[in-house]
Amino acid sequence: MVKNPSTEEGIVEAQAHPPQSEGAQALVIVTVDQKAIKIHRGSWIVSQLKTEASVPPNYDLDQILPGQPPIGLKDEERITIKGGE
């Protein structure tokens, strides 16, 4: 979930889907604001993930996993996208 901190509008949900094979690189589909975006599975710095997913840099990202509350992510934090989370 992403919120614009200045207006608290523009809520975006992000979900990881099972990885897809594309050549030698495994991709996962991340849903951002109901749009599917293919990204490489693996380790990401949150600010780089925002850039790849076309999320404005001033938005806050939360990691949303099934059955768990959203986890706030800091831009300098590193997360691992595995797919199927």
N, C-alpha and C. Protein backbone atom coordinates (compact mmCIF):
# COMPACT_ATOMS: atom_id res chain seq x y z
N MET A 1 0.85 -1.16 0.00
CA MET A 1 0.00 0.00 0.00
C MET A 1 0.90 1.22 0.00
N VAL A 2 0.54 2.21 -0.77
CA VAL A 2 1.32 3.42 -0.87
C VAL A 2 0.39 4.59 -0.59
N LYS A 3 0.84 5.54 0.23
CA LYS A 3 0.05 6.73 0.49
C LYS A 3 0.88 7.96 0.20
N ASN A 4 0.26 8.94 -0.45
CA ASN A 4 0.91 10.22 -0.66
C ASN A 4 0.90 10.93 0.68
N PRO A 5 2.06 11.20 1.29
CA PRO A 5 2.08 11.76 2.63
C PRO A 5 1.49 13.16 2.73
N SER A 6 1.49 13.92 1.64
CA SER A 6 0.97 15.28 1.71
C SER A 6 -0.55 15.33 1.61
N THR A 7 -1.16 14.38 0.90
CA THR A 7 -2.61 14.41 0.73
C THR A 7 -3.29 13.17 1.28
N GLU A 8 -2.52 12.12 1.56
CA GLU A 8 -3.03 10.81 1.96
C GLU A 8 -4.02 10.25 0.94
N GLU A 9 -3.86 10.67 -0.30
CA GLU A 9 -4.64 10.12 -1.41
C GLU A 9 -3.73 9.22 -2.23
N GLY A 10 -4.29 8.61 -3.24
CA GLY A 10 -3.50 7.79 -4.12
C GLY A 10 -3.06 6.50 -3.48
N ILE A 11 -3.96 5.85 -2.77
CA ILE A 11 -3.61 4.58 -2.13
C ILE A 11 -3.34 3.54 -3.21
N VAL A 12 -2.26 2.85 -3.07
CA VAL A 12 -1.85 1.84 -4.04
C VAL A 12 -1.60 0.55 -3.28
N GLU A 13 -2.17 -0.54 -3.74
CA GLU A 13 -1.92 -1.84 -3.13
C GLU A 13 -0.89 -2.57 -3.97
N ALA A 14 0.02 -3.25 -3.29
CA ALA A 14 1.03 -4.02 -3.99
C ALA A 14 0.99 -5.45 -3.49
N GLN A 15 0.94 -6.39 -4.41
CA GLN A 15 0.93 -7.81 -4.07
C GLN A 15 1.91 -8.52 -4.98
N ALA A 16 2.60 -9.49 -4.45
CA ALA A 16 3.48 -10.32 -5.27
C ALA A 16 2.71 -11.55 -5.72
N HIS A 17 2.94 -11.93 -6.96
CA HIS A 17 2.32 -13.12 -7.53
C HIS A 17 3.42 -14.14 -7.80
N PRO A 18 3.09 -15.40 -8.01
CA PRO A 18 4.13 -16.41 -8.27
C PRO A 18 5.05 -16.00 -9.41
N PRO A 19 6.33 -16.36 -9.31
CA PRO A 19 7.30 -15.96 -10.34
C PRO A 19 6.99 -16.57 -11.69
N GLN A 20 7.40 -15.83 -12.72
CA GLN A 20 7.28 -16.32 -14.09
C GLN A 20 8.69 -16.38 -14.65
N SER A 21 8.93 -17.35 -15.49
CA SER A 21 10.24 -17.48 -16.09
C SER A 21 10.27 -16.70 -17.39
N GLU A 22 11.25 -15.86 -17.54
CA GLU A 22 11.43 -15.11 -18.77
C GLU A 22 12.91 -15.17 -19.10
N GLY A 23 13.26 -16.07 -19.99
CA GLY A 23 14.66 -16.31 -20.26
C GLY A 23 15.30 -16.92 -19.03
N ALA A 24 16.49 -16.43 -18.70
CA ALA A 24 17.20 -16.94 -17.52
C ALA A 24 16.78 -16.22 -16.25
N GLN A 25 16.04 -15.13 -16.37
CA GLN A 25 15.68 -14.32 -15.22
C GLN A 25 14.27 -14.66 -14.76
N ALA A 26 14.10 -14.93 -13.47
CA ALA A 26 12.78 -15.17 -12.90
C ALA A 26 12.16 -13.82 -12.57
N LEU A 27 10.93 -13.63 -12.97
CA LEU A 27 10.20 -12.40 -12.71
C LEU A 27 9.02 -12.68 -11.81
N VAL A 28 8.62 -11.67 -11.05
CA VAL A 28 7.38 -11.73 -10.31
C VAL A 28 6.53 -10.57 -10.78
N ILE A 29 5.24 -10.73 -10.65
CA ILE A 29 4.33 -9.65 -11.01
C ILE A 29 3.89 -8.98 -9.72
N VAL A 30 4.13 -7.69 -9.64
CA VAL A 30 3.71 -6.89 -8.50
C VAL A 30 2.55 -6.02 -8.95
N THR A 31 1.47 -6.04 -8.21
CA THR A 31 0.31 -5.23 -8.56
C THR A 31 0.39 -3.90 -7.81
N VAL A 32 0.45 -2.83 -8.57
CA VAL A 32 0.51 -1.48 -8.01
C VAL A 32 -0.66 -0.70 -8.59
N ASP A 33 -1.55 -0.28 -7.73
CA ASP A 33 -2.74 0.48 -8.14
C ASP A 33 -3.50 -0.28 -9.23
N GLN A 34 -3.67 -1.56 -9.02
CA GLN A 34 -4.39 -2.47 -9.90
C GLN A 34 -3.73 -2.65 -11.27
N LYS A 35 -2.43 -2.33 -11.36
CA LYS A 35 -1.67 -2.54 -12.60
C LYS A 35 -0.58 -3.56 -12.32
N ALA A 36 -0.49 -4.58 -13.15
CA ALA A 36 0.55 -5.61 -12.99
C ALA A 36 1.87 -5.10 -13.57
N ILE A 37 2.92 -5.21 -12.76
CA ILE A 37 4.25 -4.78 -13.16
C ILE A 37 5.20 -5.95 -12.95
N LYS A 38 5.96 -6.31 -13.97
CA LYS A 38 6.94 -7.40 -13.85
C LYS A 38 8.25 -6.83 -13.34
N ILE A 39 8.76 -7.45 -12.28
CA ILE A 39 10.07 -7.07 -11.74
C ILE A 39 10.88 -8.33 -11.48
N HIS A 40 12.18 -8.17 -11.41
CA HIS A 40 13.04 -9.31 -11.12
C HIS A 40 12.91 -9.72 -9.67
N ARG A 41 12.82 -11.01 -9.46
CA ARG A 41 12.79 -11.57 -8.12
C ARG A 41 14.16 -11.36 -7.48
N GLY A 42 14.16 -11.07 -6.18
CA GLY A 42 15.43 -10.93 -5.48
C GLY A 42 15.43 -9.75 -4.53
N SER A 43 16.62 -9.30 -4.21
CA SER A 43 16.82 -8.25 -3.23
C SER A 43 16.66 -6.88 -3.89
N TRP A 44 15.90 -6.00 -3.24
CA TRP A 44 15.65 -4.65 -3.73
C TRP A 44 15.83 -3.65 -2.60
N ILE A 45 16.39 -2.49 -2.91
CA ILE A 45 16.31 -1.35 -2.02
C ILE A 45 14.97 -0.69 -2.34
N VAL A 46 14.21 -0.35 -1.32
CA VAL A 46 12.84 0.13 -1.49
C VAL A 46 12.77 1.30 -2.47
N SER A 47 13.69 2.25 -2.39
CA SER A 47 13.65 3.40 -3.31
C SER A 47 13.84 2.96 -4.76
N GLN A 48 14.65 1.93 -5.01
CA GLN A 48 14.83 1.42 -6.37
C GLN A 48 13.58 0.67 -6.84
N LEU A 49 12.93 -0.03 -5.93
CA LEU A 49 11.69 -0.71 -6.27
C LEU A 49 10.62 0.30 -6.65
N LYS A 50 10.54 1.41 -5.93
CA LYS A 50 9.59 2.48 -6.27
C LYS A 50 9.84 3.00 -7.68
N THR A 51 11.11 3.22 -8.01
CA THR A 51 11.45 3.71 -9.35
C THR A 51 11.02 2.71 -10.41
N GLU A 52 11.34 1.44 -10.20
CA GLU A 52 10.99 0.39 -11.16
C GLU A 52 9.49 0.27 -11.35
N ALA A 53 8.72 0.48 -10.27
CA ALA A 53 7.26 0.34 -10.32
C ALA A 53 6.55 1.67 -10.61
N SER A 54 7.31 2.71 -10.92
CA SER A 54 6.77 4.04 -11.22
C SER A 54 5.93 4.60 -10.07
N VAL A 55 6.38 4.38 -8.85
CA VAL A 55 5.74 4.93 -7.66
C VAL A 55 6.45 6.24 -7.33
N PRO A 56 5.72 7.33 -7.14
CA PRO A 56 6.38 8.60 -6.81
C PRO A 56 7.27 8.45 -5.57
N PRO A 57 8.45 9.09 -5.57
CA PRO A 57 9.40 8.92 -4.47
C PRO A 57 8.89 9.42 -3.12
N ASN A 58 7.91 10.32 -3.12
CA ASN A 58 7.41 10.84 -1.84
C ASN A 58 6.30 9.97 -1.25
N TYR A 59 5.94 8.88 -1.90
CA TYR A 59 4.94 7.95 -1.37
C TYR A 59 5.61 6.97 -0.42
N ASP A 60 4.86 6.47 0.53
CA ASP A 60 5.35 5.45 1.47
C ASP A 60 4.87 4.09 1.02
N LEU A 61 5.76 3.11 1.04
CA LEU A 61 5.40 1.74 0.67
C LEU A 61 5.21 0.90 1.93
N ASP A 62 4.21 0.03 1.90
CA ASP A 62 4.00 -0.98 2.92
C ASP A 62 4.10 -2.33 2.25
N GLN A 63 4.73 -3.29 2.90
CA GLN A 63 4.75 -4.66 2.40
C GLN A 63 3.51 -5.35 2.91
N ILE A 64 2.75 -5.94 2.01
CA ILE A 64 1.50 -6.60 2.37
C ILE A 64 1.65 -8.09 2.07
N LEU A 65 1.60 -8.89 3.13
CA LEU A 65 1.68 -10.34 3.00
C LEU A 65 0.38 -10.94 3.51
N PRO A 66 -0.09 -12.03 2.88
CA PRO A 66 -1.36 -12.63 3.30
C PRO A 66 -1.38 -12.97 4.78
N GLY A 67 -2.46 -12.57 5.45
CA GLY A 67 -2.65 -12.92 6.85
C GLY A 67 -1.82 -12.11 7.83
N GLN A 68 -1.12 -11.08 7.35
CA GLN A 68 -0.30 -10.26 8.23
C GLN A 68 -0.66 -8.80 8.06
N PRO A 69 -0.44 -7.99 9.10
CA PRO A 69 -0.69 -6.55 8.95
C PRO A 69 0.36 -5.93 8.03
N PRO A 70 0.04 -4.81 7.38
CA PRO A 70 1.04 -4.14 6.53
C PRO A 70 2.28 -3.74 7.33
N ILE A 71 3.42 -3.85 6.68
CA ILE A 71 4.70 -3.49 7.29
C ILE A 71 5.23 -2.27 6.55
N GLY A 72 5.42 -1.15 7.27
CA GLY A 72 5.96 0.06 6.67
C GLY A 72 7.40 -0.14 6.24
N LEU A 73 7.74 0.34 5.04
CA LEU A 73 9.10 0.19 4.51
C LEU A 73 9.75 1.56 4.34
N LYS A 74 11.01 1.65 4.75
CA LYS A 74 11.78 2.88 4.58
C LYS A 74 12.52 2.82 3.25
N ASP A 75 12.71 3.98 2.61
CA ASP A 75 13.35 4.03 1.30
C ASP A 75 14.72 3.37 1.27
N GLU A 76 15.49 3.47 2.35
CA GLU A 76 16.85 2.92 2.37
C GLU A 76 16.87 1.45 2.77
N GLU A 77 15.73 0.89 3.11
CA GLU A 77 15.63 -0.51 3.55
C GLU A 77 15.75 -1.46 2.36
N ARG A 78 16.30 -2.64 2.61
CA ARG A 78 16.41 -3.68 1.59
C ARG A 78 15.38 -4.76 1.90
N ILE A 79 14.62 -5.16 0.86
CA ILE A 79 13.65 -6.25 1.01
C ILE A 79 13.93 -7.30 -0.06
N THR A 80 13.42 -8.50 0.15
CA THR A 80 13.58 -9.57 -0.81
C THR A 80 12.22 -9.93 -1.38
N ILE A 81 12.10 -9.83 -2.70
CA ILE A 81 10.89 -10.22 -3.41
C ILE A 81 11.12 -11.64 -3.90
N LYS A 82 10.31 -12.57 -3.38
CA LYS A 82 10.46 -13.98 -3.73
C LYS A 82 9.40 -14.42 -4.73
N GLY A 83 8.24 -13.80 -4.66
CA GLY A 83 7.10 -14.23 -5.46
C GLY A 83 6.28 -15.21 -4.65
N GLY A 84 5.00 -15.13 -4.80
CA GLY A 84 4.10 -16.02 -4.08
C GLY A 84 3.98 -15.68 -2.60
N GLU A 85 4.42 -14.50 -2.19
CA GLU A 85 4.28 -14.10 -0.79
C GLU A 85 2.83 -13.99 -0.39
